[in-house]
Amino acid sequence: MTTRTKPASDALLLEIARKHFPNIETLETRNSDGLDFHDVAVWAIRAALEAAYTAGFAAATKR
C-alpha cells in the first residue's frame, strides 16, 4: 500500500533522489519501464535512505 506524503515532503524526497540518483528526473510514475525502473548501486540507495532518515529526524525534533 502506498501512502502519499505532503507536497513539501515530495519536494524534499525529489531533492534527495536527484542528489543520490542523478539519472532520475522525477519520482512520478510515467508508465514506462525505461523511465520508471533504474539500475542503482546499493551504496547510493543506502546514502539516499540515510539522507531521508536524517531529514525526518530533523523535522521531528524541530517541533
N, C-alpha and C. Protein backbone atom coordinates (compact mmCIF):
# COMPACT_ATOMS: atom_id res chain seq x y z
N MET A 1 0.84 -1.17 0.00
CA MET A 1 0.00 0.00 0.00
C MET A 1 0.89 1.24 0.00
N THR A 2 0.57 2.20 -0.86
CA THR A 2 1.34 3.43 -0.97
C THR A 2 0.63 4.55 -0.23
N THR A 3 1.39 5.32 0.52
CA THR A 3 0.84 6.45 1.25
C THR A 3 1.42 7.72 0.65
N ARG A 4 0.55 8.66 0.32
CA ARG A 4 1.01 9.93 -0.24
C ARG A 4 1.54 10.83 0.87
N THR A 5 2.59 11.58 0.56
CA THR A 5 3.17 12.49 1.52
C THR A 5 2.71 13.91 1.20
N LYS A 6 3.00 14.83 2.12
CA LYS A 6 2.67 16.23 1.89
C LYS A 6 3.53 16.77 0.75
N PRO A 7 3.04 17.78 0.00
CA PRO A 7 3.83 18.34 -1.10
C PRO A 7 5.22 18.81 -0.67
N ALA A 8 5.36 19.37 0.53
CA ALA A 8 6.68 19.80 0.99
C ALA A 8 7.61 18.60 1.11
N SER A 9 7.08 17.49 1.59
CA SER A 9 7.87 16.28 1.69
C SER A 9 8.22 15.74 0.31
N ASP A 10 7.31 15.86 -0.64
CA ASP A 10 7.58 15.44 -2.01
C ASP A 10 8.79 16.19 -2.57
N ALA A 11 8.85 17.48 -2.31
CA ALA A 11 9.97 18.28 -2.81
C ALA A 11 11.28 17.83 -2.17
N LEU A 12 11.25 17.54 -0.89
CA LEU A 12 12.46 17.08 -0.20
C LEU A 12 12.89 15.72 -0.73
N LEU A 13 11.93 14.82 -0.93
CA LEU A 13 12.26 13.50 -1.47
C LEU A 13 12.86 13.61 -2.87
N LEU A 14 12.31 14.49 -3.70
CA LEU A 14 12.86 14.69 -5.04
C LEU A 14 14.28 15.26 -4.96
N GLU A 15 14.52 16.16 -4.05
CA GLU A 15 15.85 16.73 -3.86
C GLU A 15 16.85 15.63 -3.47
N ILE A 16 16.46 14.78 -2.55
CA ILE A 16 17.33 13.68 -2.12
C ILE A 16 17.57 12.72 -3.29
N ALA A 17 16.51 12.38 -4.02
CA ALA A 17 16.65 11.47 -5.16
C ALA A 17 17.58 12.04 -6.22
N ARG A 18 17.42 13.31 -6.54
CA ARG A 18 18.28 13.92 -7.58
C ARG A 18 19.75 13.97 -7.14
N LYS A 19 19.97 14.15 -5.86
CA LYS A 19 21.34 14.19 -5.35
C LYS A 19 22.00 12.82 -5.43
N HIS A 20 21.27 11.79 -5.07
CA HIS A 20 21.85 10.45 -4.98
C HIS A 20 21.66 9.60 -6.22
N PHE A 21 20.70 9.96 -7.06
CA PHE A 21 20.43 9.22 -8.29
C PHE A 21 20.32 10.22 -9.44
N PRO A 22 21.43 10.70 -9.97
CA PRO A 22 21.41 11.77 -10.98
C PRO A 22 20.63 11.45 -12.26
N ASN A 23 20.45 10.18 -12.57
CA ASN A 23 19.73 9.82 -13.80
C ASN A 23 18.22 9.79 -13.63
N ILE A 24 17.74 10.00 -12.41
CA ILE A 24 16.30 10.00 -12.16
C ILE A 24 15.81 11.45 -12.18
N GLU A 25 14.94 11.74 -13.16
CA GLU A 25 14.46 13.11 -13.34
C GLU A 25 13.26 13.45 -12.46
N THR A 26 12.43 12.44 -12.17
CA THR A 26 11.20 12.67 -11.43
C THR A 26 10.87 11.44 -10.60
N LEU A 27 10.07 11.61 -9.58
CA LEU A 27 9.59 10.48 -8.79
C LEU A 27 8.15 10.13 -9.17
N GLU A 28 7.63 10.76 -10.20
CA GLU A 28 6.29 10.48 -10.68
C GLU A 28 6.31 9.23 -11.57
N THR A 29 5.26 8.43 -11.50
CA THR A 29 5.12 7.27 -12.37
C THR A 29 4.86 7.74 -13.79
N ARG A 30 5.62 7.18 -14.75
CA ARG A 30 5.43 7.57 -16.14
C ARG A 30 4.95 6.40 -17.02
N ASN A 31 4.65 5.27 -16.37
CA ASN A 31 4.10 4.11 -17.07
C ASN A 31 4.98 3.65 -18.24
N SER A 32 6.28 3.67 -18.01
CA SER A 32 7.24 3.20 -19.00
C SER A 32 8.38 2.54 -18.25
N ASP A 33 8.63 1.27 -18.55
CA ASP A 33 9.70 0.56 -17.84
C ASP A 33 11.03 1.29 -17.94
N GLY A 34 11.33 1.84 -19.09
CA GLY A 34 12.60 2.55 -19.28
C GLY A 34 12.72 3.81 -18.44
N LEU A 35 11.60 4.38 -18.08
CA LEU A 35 11.60 5.61 -17.28
C LEU A 35 11.33 5.37 -15.80
N ASP A 36 10.63 4.29 -15.49
CA ASP A 36 10.22 4.03 -14.11
C ASP A 36 11.13 3.08 -13.34
N PHE A 37 11.96 2.31 -14.04
CA PHE A 37 12.85 1.36 -13.38
C PHE A 37 14.30 1.72 -13.70
N HIS A 38 15.17 1.68 -12.67
CA HIS A 38 16.56 2.11 -12.83
C HIS A 38 17.49 1.12 -12.14
N ASP A 39 18.68 0.94 -12.71
CA ASP A 39 19.73 0.19 -12.02
C ASP A 39 20.42 1.16 -11.08
N VAL A 40 20.46 0.81 -9.81
CA VAL A 40 21.02 1.71 -8.80
C VAL A 40 21.95 0.92 -7.89
N ALA A 41 23.10 1.50 -7.59
CA ALA A 41 24.06 0.85 -6.70
C ALA A 41 23.54 0.85 -5.27
N VAL A 42 23.84 -0.22 -4.55
CA VAL A 42 23.35 -0.33 -3.17
C VAL A 42 23.89 0.79 -2.29
N TRP A 43 25.09 1.25 -2.54
CA TRP A 43 25.64 2.34 -1.70
C TRP A 43 24.90 3.65 -1.97
N ALA A 44 24.37 3.84 -3.17
CA ALA A 44 23.59 5.03 -3.47
C ALA A 44 22.23 4.94 -2.76
N ILE A 45 21.65 3.75 -2.75
CA ILE A 45 20.38 3.56 -2.03
C ILE A 45 20.59 3.82 -0.55
N ARG A 46 21.66 3.29 0.01
CA ARG A 46 21.95 3.50 1.43
C ARG A 46 22.12 4.99 1.74
N ALA A 47 22.88 5.70 0.91
CA ALA A 47 23.10 7.13 1.14
C ALA A 47 21.79 7.91 1.07
N ALA A 48 20.93 7.56 0.12
CA ALA A 48 19.65 8.24 -0.01
C ALA A 48 18.75 7.95 1.20
N LEU A 49 18.75 6.70 1.66
CA LEU A 49 17.96 6.35 2.83
C LEU A 49 18.47 7.07 4.07
N GLU A 50 19.78 7.17 4.21
CA GLU A 50 20.35 7.90 5.35
C GLU A 50 19.97 9.37 5.30
N ALA A 51 19.99 9.96 4.11
CA ALA A 51 19.60 11.36 3.96
C ALA A 51 18.14 11.56 4.30
N ALA A 52 17.28 10.65 3.87
CA ALA A 52 15.85 10.75 4.18
C ALA A 52 15.61 10.57 5.68
N TYR A 53 16.31 9.63 6.29
CA TYR A 53 16.18 9.41 7.74
C TYR A 53 16.62 10.66 8.50
N THR A 54 17.74 11.22 8.12
CA THR A 54 18.26 12.41 8.77
C THR A 54 17.28 13.58 8.63
N ALA A 55 16.70 13.74 7.44
CA ALA A 55 15.73 14.80 7.22
C ALA A 55 14.49 14.59 8.08
N GLY A 56 14.03 13.36 8.17
CA GLY A 56 12.87 13.06 9.00
C GLY A 56 13.14 13.29 10.47
N PHE A 57 14.31 12.88 10.92
CA PHE A 57 14.68 13.09 12.32
C PHE A 57 14.75 14.58 12.63
N ALA A 58 15.35 15.34 11.72
CA ALA A 58 15.47 16.79 11.92
C ALA A 58 14.08 17.42 11.98
N ALA A 59 13.17 16.98 11.12
CA ALA A 59 11.83 17.54 11.12
C ALA A 59 11.08 17.18 12.41
N ALA A 60 11.28 15.97 12.90
CA ALA A 60 10.59 15.53 14.11
C ALA A 60 11.10 16.25 15.35
N THR A 61 12.38 16.53 15.41
CA THR A 61 12.94 17.19 16.58
C THR A 61 12.76 18.71 16.52
N LYS A 62 12.34 19.22 15.38
CA LYS A 62 12.13 20.65 15.21
C LYS A 62 10.86 21.12 15.90
N ARG A 63 9.93 20.22 16.13
CA ARG A 63 8.62 20.56 16.70
C ARG A 63 8.71 21.03 18.11
